[in-house]
């Protein structure tokens, strides 16, 4: 079960940038088009890595949030 922290849009944005998965400018563009939501940020994660959410990424790639 995912924690609330892993489901937070702000946390997901920070995660994507800090892990080098996407640049902030890319996220601004995508969320400007598709809306600022966890679903949108998970789409970016999936496109870039093949993982459906942060929890899956961390389980498979290792690391801590």
C-alpha atoms as a PDB file:
ATOM      1  CA  UNK A   1       0.000   0.000   0.000  1.00  0.00           C
ATOM      2  CA  UNK A   2       1.360   3.416  -0.948  1.00  0.00           C
ATOM      3  CA  UNK A   3       1.894   6.019   1.690  1.00  0.00           C
ATOM      4  CA  UNK A   4       0.259   9.407   1.373  1.00  0.00           C
ATOM      5  CA  UNK A   5       3.708  10.953   0.943  1.00  0.00           C
ATOM      6  CA  UNK A   6       4.317   8.890  -2.204  1.00  0.00           C
ATOM      7  CA  UNK A   7       0.961  10.027  -3.583  1.00  0.00           C
ATOM      8  CA  UNK A   8       1.654  13.748  -3.158  1.00  0.00           C
ATOM      9  CA  UNK A   9       2.091  15.802  -6.349  1.00  0.00           C
ATOM     10  CA  UNK A  10       4.745  18.056  -4.836  1.00  0.00           C
ATOM     11  CA  UNK A  11       6.744  15.063  -3.635  1.00  0.00           C
ATOM     12  CA  UNK A  12       6.473  13.378  -7.040  1.00  0.00           C
ATOM     13  CA  UNK A  13       7.679  16.548  -8.798  1.00  0.00           C
ATOM     14  CA  UNK A  14      10.673  16.835  -6.470  1.00  0.00           C
ATOM     15  CA  UNK A  15      11.439  13.121  -6.869  1.00  0.00           C
ATOM     16  CA  UNK A  16      11.427  13.298 -10.677  1.00  0.00           C
ATOM     17  CA  UNK A  17      13.799  16.262 -10.665  1.00  0.00           C
ATOM     18  CA  UNK A  18      16.141  15.011  -7.928  1.00  0.00           C
ATOM     19  CA  UNK A  19      16.506  11.559  -9.491  1.00  0.00           C
ATOM     20  CA  UNK A  20      17.245  13.117 -12.890  1.00  0.00           C
ATOM     21  CA  UNK A  21      14.175  11.563 -14.482  1.00  0.00           C
ATOM     22  CA  UNK A  22      12.858  14.898 -15.778  1.00  0.00           C
ATOM     23  CA  UNK A  23      13.873  18.541 -15.697  1.00  0.00           C
ATOM     24  CA  UNK A  24      11.653  21.097 -13.984  1.00  0.00           C
ATOM     25  CA  UNK A  25      11.156  22.860 -17.325  1.00  0.00           C
ATOM     26  CA  UNK A  26       9.891  19.611 -18.865  1.00  0.00           C
ATOM     27  CA  UNK A  27       7.504  19.066 -15.976  1.00  0.00           C
ATOM     28  CA  UNK A  28       6.192  22.640 -16.273  1.00  0.00           C
ATOM     29  CA  UNK A  29       5.447  22.049 -19.942  1.00  0.00           C
ATOM     30  CA  UNK A  30       3.762  18.669 -19.456  1.00  0.00           C
ATOM     31  CA  UNK A  31       1.700  19.767 -16.460  1.00  0.00           C
ATOM     32  CA  UNK A  32       0.783  22.964 -18.293  1.00  0.00           C
ATOM     33  CA  UNK A  33      -0.726  20.836 -21.051  1.00  0.00           C
ATOM     34  CA  UNK A  34      -2.116  17.879 -19.073  1.00  0.00           C
ATOM     35  CA  UNK A  35      -2.719  19.483 -15.662  1.00  0.00           C
ATOM     36  CA  UNK A  36      -0.826  19.321 -12.390  1.00  0.00           C
ATOM     37  CA  UNK A  37      -1.798  15.954 -10.973  1.00  0.00           C
ATOM     38  CA  UNK A  38      -0.188  12.820  -9.648  1.00  0.00           C
ATOM     39  CA  UNK A  39      -1.512  10.966 -12.682  1.00  0.00           C
ATOM     40  CA  UNK A  40       0.313  13.344 -15.029  1.00  0.00           C
ATOM     41  CA  UNK A  41       3.564  13.035 -13.082  1.00  0.00           C
ATOM     42  CA  UNK A  42       3.245   9.249 -13.065  1.00  0.00           C
ATOM     43  CA  UNK A  43       2.834   9.373 -16.852  1.00  0.00           C
ATOM     44  CA  UNK A  44       6.147  11.230 -17.060  1.00  0.00           C
ATOM     45  CA  UNK A  45       7.775   8.633 -14.806  1.00  0.00           C
ATOM     46  CA  UNK A  46       6.379   5.805 -16.932  1.00  0.00           C
ATOM     47  CA  UNK A  47       7.470   7.410 -20.201  1.00  0.00           C
ATOM     48  CA  UNK A  48      11.003   7.979 -18.944  1.00  0.00           C
ATOM     49  CA  UNK A  49      11.554   4.755 -16.965  1.00  0.00           C
ATOM     50  CA  UNK A  50       8.817   2.204 -17.635  1.00  0.00           C
ATOM     51  CA  UNK A  51       7.758   2.258 -13.969  1.00  0.00           C
ATOM     52  CA  UNK A  52       4.158   3.104 -13.114  1.00  0.00           C
ATOM     53  CA  UNK A  53       4.783   4.991  -9.863  1.00  0.00           C
ATOM     54  CA  UNK A  54       7.491   6.035  -7.423  1.00  0.00           C
ATOM     55  CA  UNK A  55       6.937   3.045  -5.187  1.00  0.00           C
ATOM     56  CA  UNK A  56       7.527   0.632  -8.081  1.00  0.00           C
ATOM     57  CA  UNK A  57      10.596   2.595  -9.172  1.00  0.00           C
ATOM     58  CA  UNK A  58      12.102   2.407  -5.683  1.00  0.00           C
ATOM     59  CA  UNK A  59      11.300  -1.304  -5.296  1.00  0.00           C
ATOM     60  CA  UNK A  60      13.015  -2.141  -8.574  1.00  0.00           C
ATOM     61  CA  UNK A  61      15.855   0.393  -8.623  1.00  0.00           C
ATOM     62  CA  UNK A  62      16.480   0.647  -4.902  1.00  0.00           C
ATOM     63  CA  UNK A  63      16.721   3.850  -2.982  1.00  0.00           C
ATOM     64  CA  UNK A  64      14.842   5.747  -0.350  1.00  0.00           C
ATOM     65  CA  UNK A  65      12.353   8.586  -0.479  1.00  0.00           C
END
